[in-house]
Protein backbone atom coordinates (compact mmCIF):
# COMPACT_ATOMS: atom_id res chain seq x y z
CA UNK A 1 121.81 -63.14 -26.06
CA UNK A 2 120.41 -64.76 -28.94
CA UNK A 3 118.50 -62.73 -31.22
CA UNK A 4 114.59 -63.30 -31.26
CA UNK A 5 113.37 -65.38 -34.32
CA UNK A 6 109.94 -66.74 -36.06
CA UNK A 7 109.50 -70.08 -36.28
CA UNK A 8 108.64 -69.83 -40.23
CA UNK A 9 107.63 -72.82 -42.06
CA UNK A 10 110.97 -73.47 -44.18
CA UNK A 11 111.30 -72.16 -47.48
CA UNK A 12 112.68 -75.44 -48.34
CA UNK A 13 113.90 -77.18 -51.76
CA UNK A 14 111.07 -79.34 -53.12
CA UNK A 15 112.64 -82.56 -51.68
CA UNK A 16 112.58 -81.34 -47.98
CA UNK A 17 108.88 -81.25 -47.73
CA UNK A 18 108.35 -85.08 -47.85
CA UNK A 19 111.24 -85.60 -45.49
CA UNK A 20 109.93 -83.01 -42.99
CA UNK A 21 106.20 -84.88 -43.06
CA UNK A 22 108.20 -88.22 -42.79
CA UNK A 23 110.11 -86.81 -39.46
CA UNK A 24 106.54 -85.90 -38.09
CA UNK A 25 105.26 -89.46 -39.26
CA UNK A 26 108.30 -91.15 -37.17
CA UNK A 27 107.41 -89.04 -34.30
CA UNK A 28 103.75 -89.84 -34.30
CA UNK A 29 104.91 -93.53 -34.47
CA UNK A 30 107.28 -92.88 -31.48
CA UNK A 31 104.46 -91.92 -29.30
CA UNK A 32 102.09 -94.96 -30.69
CA UNK A 33 105.00 -97.29 -29.86
CA UNK A 34 106.37 -96.01 -26.47
CA UNK A 35 104.08 -93.42 -25.23
CA UNK A 36 100.52 -91.86 -24.87
CA UNK A 37 99.05 -90.07 -27.87
CA UNK A 38 97.64 -86.70 -27.47
CA UNK A 39 93.91 -87.30 -27.02
CA UNK A 40 94.69 -89.82 -24.37
CA UNK A 41 97.44 -87.45 -22.56
CA UNK A 42 95.18 -84.60 -21.99
CA UNK A 43 93.03 -86.25 -19.27
CA UNK A 44 92.71 -83.93 -16.66
CA UNK A 45 94.90 -84.31 -13.61
CA UNK A 46 92.12 -84.89 -11.06
CA UNK A 47 91.01 -87.91 -12.91
CA UNK A 48 94.27 -89.73 -12.49
CA UNK A 49 96.39 -87.64 -9.92
CA UNK A 50 98.51 -90.55 -8.81
CA UNK A 51 99.98 -90.49 -12.55
CA UNK A 52 101.58 -87.34 -12.13
CA UNK A 53 104.45 -88.67 -9.95
CA UNK A 54 104.29 -92.33 -10.35
CA UNK A 55 107.17 -93.83 -12.68
CA UNK A 56 105.61 -96.75 -14.65
CA UNK A 57 107.30 -100.01 -15.34
CA UNK A 58 107.54 -99.12 -19.09
CA UNK A 59 109.67 -95.97 -18.28
CA UNK A 60 112.71 -97.92 -18.03
CA UNK A 61 112.12 -99.85 -21.10
CA UNK A 62 111.47 -96.66 -22.88
CA UNK A 63 114.47 -95.10 -21.88
CA UNK A 64 117.00 -97.53 -21.79
CA UNK A 65 117.75 -97.39 -17.80
CA UNK A 66 115.82 -97.15 -14.75
CA UNK A 67 115.78 -93.52 -13.44
CA UNK A 68 116.13 -92.99 -9.76
CA UNK A 69 113.24 -92.09 -7.40
CA UNK A 70 112.98 -89.67 -4.96
CA UNK A 71 110.82 -89.37 -1.77
CA UNK A 72 108.61 -86.68 -2.42
CA UNK A 73 108.76 -85.93 -6.10
CA UNK A 74 107.37 -82.69 -7.74
CA UNK A 75 105.26 -83.15 -11.07
CA UNK A 76 106.40 -81.24 -14.11
CA UNK A 77 106.42 -81.44 -17.75
CA UNK A 78 108.74 -80.06 -20.71
CA UNK A 79 108.17 -79.53 -24.39
CA UNK A 80 110.17 -81.48 -26.98
CA UNK A 81 109.08 -79.25 -29.86
CA UNK A 82 110.16 -80.31 -33.18
CA UNK A 83 109.56 -78.90 -36.71
CA UNK A 84 111.09 -76.18 -39.08
CA UNK A 85 111.70 -73.45 -36.62
CA UNK A 86 113.16 -71.43 -39.39
CA UNK A 87 114.63 -71.60 -43.01
CA UNK A 88 118.42 -71.88 -41.77
CA UNK A 89 119.25 -75.30 -42.92
CA UNK A 90 121.80 -77.58 -40.69
CA UNK A 91 125.53 -77.46 -41.00
CA UNK A 92 125.84 -80.91 -41.90
CA UNK A 93 123.81 -83.23 -44.19
CA UNK A 94 122.51 -86.74 -43.19
CA UNK A 95 120.44 -89.08 -44.97
CA UNK A 96 117.85 -89.82 -42.21
CA UNK A 97 117.26 -86.26 -41.11
CA UNK A 98 116.08 -83.24 -43.01
CA UNK A 99 118.38 -80.21 -42.98
CA UNK A 100 115.41 -78.02 -41.88
CA UNK A 101 113.96 -80.10 -38.98
CA UNK A 102 114.77 -78.25 -35.69
CA UNK A 103 114.20 -78.59 -31.86
CA UNK A 104 113.42 -75.69 -29.72
CA UNK A 105 115.72 -75.13 -26.67
CA UNK A 106 116.53 -72.71 -23.80
CA UNK A 107 119.27 -71.70 -21.54
CA UNK A 108 118.36 -71.55 -18.11
CA UNK A 109 119.38 -68.32 -16.17
CA UNK A 110 122.48 -68.46 -13.96
CA UNK A 111 120.53 -67.21 -11.13
CA UNK A 112 118.31 -69.98 -10.80
CA UNK A 113 118.54 -72.37 -7.72
CA UNK A 114 118.67 -75.64 -9.87
CA UNK A 115 120.09 -76.61 -13.14
CA UNK A 116 121.45 -73.04 -13.25
CA UNK A 117 122.82 -71.94 -16.72
CA UNK A 118 122.03 -75.55 -18.21
CA UNK A 119 120.48 -76.02 -21.78
CA UNK A 120 116.74 -77.43 -21.36
CA UNK A 121 113.69 -77.74 -22.95
CA UNK A 122 110.96 -75.33 -22.14
CA UNK A 123 109.08 -76.65 -19.21
CA UNK A 124 108.39 -76.47 -15.32
CA UNK A 125 106.30 -77.76 -12.67
CA UNK A 126 102.50 -78.33 -12.72
CA UNK A 127 100.33 -75.88 -11.40
CA UNK A 128 96.95 -76.93 -10.04
CA UNK A 129 95.13 -75.09 -12.62
CA UNK A 130 96.87 -76.87 -15.60
CA UNK A 131 94.64 -79.72 -15.84
CA UNK A 132 97.24 -81.98 -17.50
CA UNK A 133 100.83 -82.23 -18.20
CA UNK A 134 100.16 -81.25 -21.90
CA UNK A 135 98.69 -78.02 -20.49
CA UNK A 136 101.70 -77.68 -18.16
CA UNK A 137 104.29 -78.03 -21.02
CA UNK A 138 102.37 -75.62 -23.26
CA UNK A 139 101.85 -73.01 -20.42
CA UNK A 140 105.47 -73.17 -19.34
CA UNK A 141 106.79 -72.74 -22.92
CA UNK A 142 104.25 -69.88 -23.66
CA UNK A 143 105.87 -68.22 -20.24
CA UNK A 144 109.40 -69.01 -21.10
CA UNK A 145 109.45 -68.51 -24.78
CA UNK A 146 106.13 -66.61 -25.84
CA UNK A 147 105.36 -69.04 -28.42
CA UNK A 148 101.69 -69.52 -29.21
CA UNK A 149 100.30 -72.69 -28.00
CA UNK A 150 97.89 -72.83 -30.69
CA UNK A 151 100.89 -73.16 -33.16
CA UNK A 152 101.78 -76.25 -31.47
CA UNK A 153 100.28 -79.56 -32.83
CA UNK A 154 100.85 -81.97 -29.50
CA UNK A 155 101.19 -85.64 -30.65
CA UNK A 156 101.67 -87.33 -27.30
CA UNK A 157 103.47 -87.65 -24.15
CA UNK A 158 106.38 -90.13 -23.57
CA UNK A 159 106.77 -91.91 -20.26
CA UNK A 160 107.98 -89.73 -17.37
CA UNK A 161 111.42 -89.71 -15.58
CA UNK A 162 112.52 -88.67 -12.23
CA UNK A 163 115.39 -86.12 -11.99
CA UNK A 164 116.70 -86.94 -8.30
CA UNK A 165 118.63 -83.61 -8.06
CA UNK A 166 115.63 -81.76 -8.07
CA UNK A 167 113.30 -84.27 -7.27
CA UNK A 168 110.95 -83.38 -10.33
CA UNK A 169 109.32 -86.07 -12.19
CA UNK A 170 109.39 -84.78 -15.88
CA UNK A 171 106.44 -86.02 -18.41
CA UNK A 172 108.09 -85.19 -21.98
CA UNK A 173 105.22 -83.73 -24.13
CA UNK A 174 106.34 -84.12 -27.88
CA UNK A 175 105.22 -81.58 -30.19
CA UNK A 176 105.35 -80.35 -33.79
CA UNK A 177 105.09 -76.84 -35.18
CA UNK A 178 101.70 -76.38 -36.68
CA UNK A 179 102.47 -72.70 -38.01
CA UNK A 180 104.87 -69.87 -37.40
CA UNK A 181 104.98 -68.32 -33.67
CA UNK A 182 107.82 -66.11 -32.69
CA UNK A 183 109.73 -66.89 -29.98
CA UNK A 184 112.25 -65.30 -27.53
CA UNK A 185 113.18 -64.97 -23.87
CA UNK A 186 110.33 -63.52 -22.12
CA UNK A 187 111.66 -63.58 -18.39
CA UNK A 188 115.37 -63.22 -17.98
CA UNK A 189 115.09 -64.57 -14.30
CA UNK A 190 114.00 -67.76 -15.84
CA UNK A 191 116.20 -68.12 -19.19
CA UNK A 192 119.01 -66.19 -20.82
CA UNK A 193 118.35 -67.57 -24.42
CA UNK A 194 115.74 -68.91 -26.62
CA UNK A 195 117.30 -70.85 -29.61
CA UNK A 196 116.50 -73.66 -32.14
CA UNK A 197 119.00 -76.44 -32.82
CA UNK A 198 119.01 -78.45 -36.22
CA UNK A 199 118.45 -81.80 -35.31
CA UNK A 200 120.87 -83.06 -38.00
CA UNK A 201 123.37 -81.11 -36.15
CA UNK A 202 122.90 -82.89 -32.92
CA UNK A 203 123.64 -86.47 -34.71
CA UNK A 204 127.23 -85.17 -35.41
CA UNK A 205 129.32 -88.05 -33.73
CA UNK A 206 132.17 -85.50 -33.36
CA UNK A 207 129.91 -83.49 -31.01
CA UNK A 208 128.81 -86.61 -29.00
CA UNK A 209 130.40 -87.69 -25.68
CA UNK A 210 129.33 -88.85 -21.98
CA UNK A 211 129.21 -86.24 -19.17
CA UNK A 212 130.79 -86.74 -15.75
CA UNK A 213 128.49 -84.88 -13.28
CA UNK A 214 130.24 -82.11 -11.25
CA UNK A 215 130.94 -82.27 -7.39
CA UNK A 216 132.05 -85.95 -7.77
CA UNK A 217 128.19 -87.27 -8.37
CA UNK A 218 128.31 -90.59 -9.26
CA UNK A 219 126.94 -91.66 -13.02
CA UNK A 220 127.41 -90.45 -16.57
CA UNK A 221 125.00 -88.68 -18.81
CA UNK A 222 125.08 -88.29 -22.54
CA UNK A 223 126.46 -84.88 -23.76
CA UNK A 224 126.07 -82.76 -26.94
CA UNK A 225 128.43 -80.19 -28.19
CA UNK A 226 126.31 -77.91 -30.72
CA UNK A 227 126.40 -74.27 -32.09
CA UNK A 228 128.91 -73.69 -29.15
CA UNK A 229 126.45 -74.70 -26.60
CA UNK A 230 127.23 -77.78 -24.06
CA UNK A 231 124.31 -79.98 -23.49
CA UNK A 232 124.01 -82.62 -20.81
CA UNK A 233 121.75 -83.96 -17.93
CA UNK A 234 118.29 -84.83 -18.34
CA UNK A 235 117.91 -83.05 -21.38
CA UNK A 236 120.69 -84.56 -23.51
CA UNK A 237 119.55 -88.16 -21.86
CA UNK A 238 116.16 -87.45 -23.48
CA UNK A 239 117.52 -86.34 -26.68
CA UNK A 240 120.00 -88.96 -26.86
CA UNK A 241 117.27 -91.99 -26.38
CA UNK A 242 114.99 -90.14 -28.55
CA UNK A 243 117.26 -90.01 -31.63
CA UNK A 244 117.96 -93.61 -31.19
CA UNK A 245 114.33 -94.62 -30.96
CA UNK A 246 113.69 -92.63 -34.21
CA UNK A 247 116.85 -94.28 -35.83
CA UNK A 248 118.16 -90.69 -36.53
CA UNK A 249 121.54 -91.00 -34.37
CA UNK A 250 124.58 -92.06 -35.86
CA UNK A 251 127.33 -94.26 -34.15
CA UNK A 252 129.70 -92.03 -31.60
CA UNK A 253 132.30 -92.92 -29.13
CA UNK A 254 130.52 -93.48 -25.80
CA UNK A 255 134.04 -93.97 -24.19
CA UNK A 256 134.91 -90.30 -24.36
CA UNK A 257 134.19 -88.79 -21.11
CA UNK A 258 133.79 -84.72 -20.57
CA UNK A 259 133.66 -83.07 -17.14
CA UNK A 260 130.45 -81.14 -16.72
CA UNK A 261 132.08 -78.25 -14.76
CA UNK A 262 135.49 -77.89 -16.64
CA UNK A 263 133.87 -79.03 -20.29
CA UNK A 264 137.19 -80.88 -20.66
CA UNK A 265 138.00 -84.45 -21.75
CA UNK A 266 138.87 -86.65 -18.93
CA UNK A 267 139.13 -89.81 -20.71
C-alpha cells in the first residue's frame, strides 16, 4: 500500500513558480471555454435536477466523441485535482508541464462490484444532501482520501459523461490545491491506494496506448502506464482529453492496443 503523504506546496526552483501559475491559468481557461465556472457550477441540485443526468450536446464536442447513454442513469461526480501535491518532481521534463504539477488518483478496492481494482479519480454518486455536483466531488474525495475540502480551490465543472457499464453520469469537477492537506486511504473497502501522479510523466509517449476492454466488449479507451500503474477506462479517457485540450500532451502511437485483462500488447 502507498504511504500517506502531505500535499505540500512544492519547494521548487524559482522557475517553477510561474510555470505552476501558468498551469492553473490554463485550467481556468479550459473551464471558461469548455465547462462551467465554479460559481455557476455550485447551483443546488433542486434548482436544476434534470442537469444531473442529462448529457448536453456540447459534451460530445468537449470530449471528442459521443458517450453512450443508459436508460436509468445515476448522477455522480469526480474530482480532477491538480497542483503541487508534494515536492517530488516528475521523472521526465517537458516544455509545457512543470515537473511539480501533479494530479490526485486512487486505486479502487478489488472487492468492489464495479470497476474493481481500477485507477480512478476520487468521486462517487450524488447524495440528496450534497446540494451540487461540486459538493458531491468534495465529499467523496474527503471520504476516500481524507483531504480537507477547504484546501481545494474549485475551478469549475466540465460537461458530464455517461459510463454505460455502471450506469453513472459523471460530472468532472476540476480543482486546484489551495494549501496543504494530508491524503491517504480512509476506507479500505473503497480504495487500496491514494497517490499522486506527475502530469509530465503522464505525457510520456512510451506510456500511452489504447486499451481493449475485457470480456470482448466493444470499443477502445485510451490508456496510461505510469508509476507501475495501469490507467484505462473513463479515468484515462478524461485524462487523455484534458491533456489534449490543454495542449500538454505529446504525439503518441494510438495504433498500439493493450488488453485490459492481461495488459499485454495485442497489436
